[in-house]
């Protein structure tokens, strides 16, 4: 590279002064690789978990409200067992409190143990056996509901498709009829279009034609009479 002015300060010292011009590419902002890609975290936050749990509980409450007592034979049998255990627990508890005066101490402990056994058995039947039967019935009813909804949606879509096809066919028929009428009107001329006079105008035209015919006949008759009279007069003149 040639020196423009050797007396310039940049050439009078060994120190590096100034800087080179950077290229346009280096002036562009550099973005990190995949900086616009957002990865959804797989681990849910506490708020998301709580919201899902609340929604699940609300849904289960609504299902329980609709199908809490299944009208099945198994449910009725288990419910009778539950009632029997509950009544037995109440009876044993009452007998334990009232039998202190006439039952031995061992007998009161036995009745109290039987009361606890009946209560535990009733809880087991309620939260294990009856709950399983109820959940199975709820799932069955929800499955039927979804099947019915799908069938209703299919029927609705089929009806919509049939209505659209019918409307398209009707529109096509109307278009064909309009095209046929326009073709027929084009083929007929201005005077060959089947134009007819109204009844009043037709009667007036027929009357005028009749009058013209009668006047023409009268004129012809008078002309023939004049000719005969002129012939007779000329014959008389010739005889004289």
Protein backbone atom coordinates (compact mmCIF):
# COMPACT_ATOMS: atom_id res chain seq x y z
CA UNK A 1 0.00 0.00 0.00
CA UNK A 2 1.49 3.36 -0.96
CA UNK A 3 1.85 6.22 1.49
CA UNK A 4 -0.09 9.33 0.59
CA UNK A 5 1.77 11.76 2.80
CA UNK A 6 4.94 10.60 4.51
CA UNK A 7 4.83 13.58 6.89
CA UNK A 8 1.51 12.44 8.37
CA UNK A 9 1.59 11.62 12.08
CA UNK A 10 0.58 8.05 11.46
CA UNK A 11 3.79 7.49 9.55
CA UNK A 12 6.06 9.38 11.99
CA UNK A 13 5.71 6.95 14.89
CA UNK A 14 5.86 3.20 15.36
CA UNK A 15 2.65 3.13 17.38
CA UNK A 16 -0.50 1.90 15.68
CA UNK A 17 -2.96 4.71 15.26
CA UNK A 18 -6.44 4.59 13.83
CA UNK A 19 -8.36 1.50 12.88
CA UNK A 20 -9.40 -0.27 9.77
CA UNK A 21 -12.94 0.00 8.48
CA UNK A 22 -15.07 -3.03 9.32
CA UNK A 23 -17.02 -4.77 6.65
CA UNK A 24 -20.80 -4.47 6.30
CA UNK A 25 -21.24 -8.12 7.22
CA UNK A 26 -19.59 -7.60 10.60
CA UNK A 27 -21.95 -4.71 11.35
CA UNK A 28 -25.05 -6.95 11.14
CA UNK A 29 -26.46 -8.14 14.48
CA UNK A 30 -25.70 -11.79 15.07
CA UNK A 31 -28.48 -13.97 16.41
CA UNK A 32 -27.83 -17.05 18.41
CA UNK A 33 -28.55 -20.39 16.82
CA UNK A 34 -32.18 -21.46 17.29
CA UNK A 35 -32.89 -18.35 19.38
CA UNK A 36 -36.47 -18.16 18.03
CA UNK A 37 -37.28 -21.78 18.90
CA UNK A 38 -39.21 -22.12 22.15
CA UNK A 39 -39.19 -25.52 23.81
CA UNK A 40 -42.18 -26.29 25.98
CA UNK A 41 -41.02 -27.74 29.27
CA UNK A 42 -42.28 -31.24 29.95
CA UNK A 43 -42.37 -30.72 33.71
CA UNK A 44 -45.60 -29.03 34.77
CA UNK A 45 -45.64 -26.25 37.29
CA UNK A 46 -47.55 -26.36 40.57
CA UNK A 47 -50.19 -23.99 39.21
CA UNK A 48 -50.78 -26.20 36.17
CA UNK A 49 -51.05 -29.31 38.34
CA UNK A 50 -53.51 -27.60 40.70
CA UNK A 51 -55.62 -26.37 37.77
CA UNK A 52 -55.76 -29.86 36.28
CA UNK A 53 -56.72 -31.36 39.63
CA UNK A 54 -59.50 -28.81 40.11
CA UNK A 55 -60.85 -29.49 36.63
CA UNK A 56 -60.72 -33.25 37.24
CA UNK A 57 -62.53 -32.93 40.56
CA UNK A 58 -65.22 -30.73 39.05
CA UNK A 59 -65.74 -33.23 36.23
CA UNK A 60 -65.93 -36.14 38.67
CA UNK A 61 -68.43 -34.28 40.87
CA UNK A 62 -70.66 -33.68 37.85
CA UNK A 63 -70.45 -37.35 36.83
CA UNK A 64 -71.20 -38.50 40.39
CA UNK A 65 -74.19 -36.19 40.53
CA UNK A 66 -75.63 -37.77 37.39
CA UNK A 67 -74.75 -41.45 37.98
CA UNK A 68 -74.27 -41.84 41.74
CA UNK A 69 -76.78 -44.67 42.27
CA UNK A 70 -76.49 -47.20 39.43
CA UNK A 71 -79.74 -49.16 38.89
CA UNK A 72 -77.89 -52.48 38.64
CA UNK A 73 -78.43 -55.74 40.56
CA UNK A 74 -74.84 -55.83 41.86
CA UNK A 75 -75.08 -52.31 43.24
CA UNK A 76 -78.37 -53.06 44.97
CA UNK A 77 -76.90 -56.23 46.54
CA UNK A 78 -73.83 -54.41 47.84
CA UNK A 79 -75.97 -51.57 49.14
CA UNK A 80 -78.09 -54.06 51.14
CA UNK A 81 -74.93 -55.53 52.65
CA UNK A 82 -73.76 -52.02 53.54
CA UNK A 83 -77.05 -51.21 55.25
CA UNK A 84 -76.91 -54.50 57.18
CA UNK A 85 -73.39 -53.83 58.46
CA UNK A 86 -74.30 -50.27 59.42
CA UNK A 87 -77.41 -51.34 61.33
CA UNK A 88 -75.42 -54.11 63.03
CA UNK A 89 -72.75 -51.62 64.12
CA UNK A 90 -75.39 -49.31 65.60
CA UNK A 91 -77.11 -52.22 67.39
CA UNK A 92 -73.84 -53.55 68.86
CA UNK A 93 -72.88 -50.07 70.04
CA UNK A 94 -76.22 -49.58 71.78
CA UNK A 95 -76.00 -53.06 73.32
CA UNK A 96 -72.52 -52.30 74.63
CA UNK A 97 -73.71 -49.14 76.41
CA UNK A 98 -76.93 -50.67 77.73
CA UNK A 99 -75.44 -54.07 78.63
CA UNK A 100 -73.04 -52.78 81.23
CA UNK A 101 -75.62 -53.46 83.91
CA UNK A 102 -76.44 -57.06 83.02
CA UNK A 103 -73.58 -58.26 80.77
CA UNK A 104 -70.20 -59.34 82.05
CA UNK A 105 -67.20 -57.22 81.26
CA UNK A 106 -65.98 -59.67 78.62
CA UNK A 107 -69.40 -59.56 76.92
CA UNK A 108 -69.29 -55.77 76.61
CA UNK A 109 -65.84 -55.96 75.02
CA UNK A 110 -67.12 -58.60 72.59
CA UNK A 111 -70.11 -56.48 71.55
CA UNK A 112 -67.90 -53.42 71.20
CA UNK A 113 -65.47 -55.37 68.98
CA UNK A 114 -68.38 -56.59 66.84
CA UNK A 115 -69.57 -52.97 66.47
CA UNK A 116 -66.11 -51.90 65.27
CA UNK A 117 -65.99 -54.87 62.89
CA UNK A 118 -69.36 -53.91 61.38
CA UNK A 119 -68.24 -50.29 60.93
CA UNK A 120 -64.98 -51.35 59.25
CA UNK A 121 -66.89 -53.79 57.02
CA UNK A 122 -69.36 -51.07 56.00
CA UNK A 123 -66.52 -48.70 55.13
CA UNK A 124 -64.78 -51.41 53.11
CA UNK A 125 -67.95 -52.17 51.14
CA UNK A 126 -68.60 -48.47 50.52
CA UNK A 127 -65.13 -47.37 49.42
CA UNK A 128 -64.02 -50.54 47.66
CA UNK A 129 -66.84 -52.65 46.25
CA UNK A 130 -69.56 -50.03 45.72
CA UNK A 131 -67.11 -47.46 44.33
CA UNK A 132 -65.83 -49.93 41.73
CA UNK A 133 -69.39 -50.76 40.63
CA UNK A 134 -70.25 -47.06 40.47
CA UNK A 135 -67.16 -46.17 38.43
CA UNK A 136 -67.80 -49.03 36.01
CA UNK A 137 -71.39 -47.84 35.52
CA UNK A 138 -70.25 -44.24 35.04
CA UNK A 139 -67.69 -45.25 32.42
CA UNK A 140 -70.31 -47.33 30.63
CA UNK A 141 -72.78 -44.46 30.57
CA UNK A 142 -70.17 -41.97 29.41
CA UNK A 143 -69.16 -44.36 26.62
CA UNK A 144 -72.79 -44.68 25.54
CA UNK A 145 -73.14 -40.93 25.68
CA UNK A 146 -70.14 -40.41 23.45
CA UNK A 147 -71.44 -43.05 21.02
CA UNK A 148 -74.85 -41.37 20.90
CA UNK A 149 -73.23 -37.98 20.37
CA UNK A 150 -71.12 -39.37 17.54
CA UNK A 151 -74.15 -40.98 15.95
CA UNK A 152 -76.10 -37.71 16.24
CA UNK A 153 -73.19 -35.80 14.69
CA UNK A 154 -73.03 -38.28 11.82
CA UNK A 155 -76.77 -37.94 11.20
CA UNK A 156 -76.52 -34.15 11.27
CA UNK A 157 -73.63 -34.16 8.80
CA UNK A 158 -75.50 -36.56 6.50
CA UNK A 159 -78.59 -34.32 6.59
CA UNK A 160 -76.46 -31.26 5.78
CA UNK A 161 -74.83 -33.06 2.85
CA UNK A 162 -78.23 -34.17 1.52
CA UNK A 163 -79.58 -30.61 1.81
CA UNK A 164 -76.56 -29.23 -0.05
CA UNK A 165 -76.95 -31.81 -2.82
CA UNK A 166 -80.66 -31.03 -3.15
CA UNK A 167 -80.00 -27.29 -3.30
CA UNK A 168 -77.28 -27.79 -5.94
CA UNK A 169 -79.58 -30.00 -8.05
CA UNK A 170 -82.41 -27.46 -7.82
CA UNK A 171 -80.08 -24.62 -8.79
CA UNK A 172 -78.82 -26.64 -11.75
CA UNK A 173 -82.39 -27.38 -12.90
CA UNK A 174 -83.32 -23.69 -12.64
CA UNK A 175 -80.24 -22.73 -14.64
CA UNK A 176 -81.07 -25.28 -17.35
CA UNK A 177 -84.69 -24.05 -17.56
CA UNK A 178 -83.55 -20.42 -17.81
CA UNK A 179 -81.08 -21.35 -20.56
CA UNK A 180 -83.76 -23.21 -22.53
CA UNK A 181 -86.13 -20.23 -22.31
CA UNK A 182 -83.43 -17.84 -23.46
CA UNK A 183 -82.56 -20.09 -26.43
CA UNK A 184 -86.23 -20.34 -27.44
CA UNK A 185 -86.67 -16.55 -27.27
CA UNK A 186 -83.59 -16.06 -29.44
CA UNK A 187 -84.85 -18.50 -32.08
CA UNK A 188 -88.23 -16.74 -32.37
CA UNK A 189 -88.07 -13.49 -34.33
CA UNK A 190 -89.61 -10.18 -33.51
CA UNK A 191 -92.84 -11.01 -35.43
CA UNK A 192 -92.72 -14.72 -34.94
CA UNK A 193 -92.73 -14.56 -31.20
CA UNK A 194 -96.39 -15.49 -30.92
CA UNK A 195 -97.53 -11.96 -30.23
CA UNK A 196 -101.34 -11.69 -30.08
CA UNK A 197 -103.55 -8.68 -29.91
CA UNK A 198 -105.75 -8.29 -26.88
CA UNK A 199 -109.42 -9.23 -27.15
CA UNK A 200 -110.66 -5.62 -27.38
CA UNK A 201 -108.14 -4.69 -30.07
CA UNK A 202 -108.88 -7.92 -31.94
CA UNK A 203 -112.64 -7.23 -31.92
CA UNK A 204 -112.08 -3.66 -33.10
CA UNK A 205 -109.85 -4.81 -35.96
CA UNK A 206 -112.38 -7.45 -37.00
CA UNK A 207 -115.21 -4.82 -36.93
CA UNK A 208 -113.22 -2.42 -39.05
CA UNK A 209 -112.51 -5.20 -41.53
CA UNK A 210 -116.26 -6.02 -41.71
CA UNK A 211 -117.23 -2.41 -42.29
CA UNK A 212 -114.66 -2.06 -45.05
CA UNK A 213 -116.05 -5.15 -46.72
CA UNK A 214 -119.65 -3.94 -46.52
CA UNK A 215 -118.77 -0.48 -47.92
CA UNK A 216 -116.87 -2.10 -50.77
CA UNK A 217 -119.85 -4.33 -51.62
CA UNK A 218 -122.23 -1.32 -51.62
CA UNK A 219 -119.96 0.64 -53.93
CA UNK A 220 -119.79 -2.30 -56.33
CA UNK A 221 -123.59 -2.67 -56.37
CA UNK A 222 -124.15 1.04 -57.06
CA UNK A 223 -121.61 0.97 -59.87
CA UNK A 224 -123.35 -2.02 -61.51
CA UNK A 225 -126.75 -0.24 -61.25
CA UNK A 226 -125.39 2.85 -62.93
CA UNK A 227 -123.99 0.75 -65.75
CA UNK A 228 -127.34 -0.95 -66.42
CA UNK A 229 -129.17 2.40 -66.43
CA UNK A 230 -126.68 3.81 -68.92
CA UNK A 231 -127.15 0.75 -71.16
CA UNK A 232 -130.94 1.11 -71.21
CA UNK A 233 -130.69 4.82 -72.09
CA UNK A 234 -128.41 4.11 -75.04
CA UNK A 235 -130.78 1.38 -76.29
CA UNK A 236 -133.73 3.78 -76.29
CA UNK A 237 -131.78 6.37 -78.23
CA UNK A 238 -130.90 3.84 -80.91
CA UNK A 239 -134.53 2.78 -81.42
CA UNK A 240 -135.67 6.37 -82.00
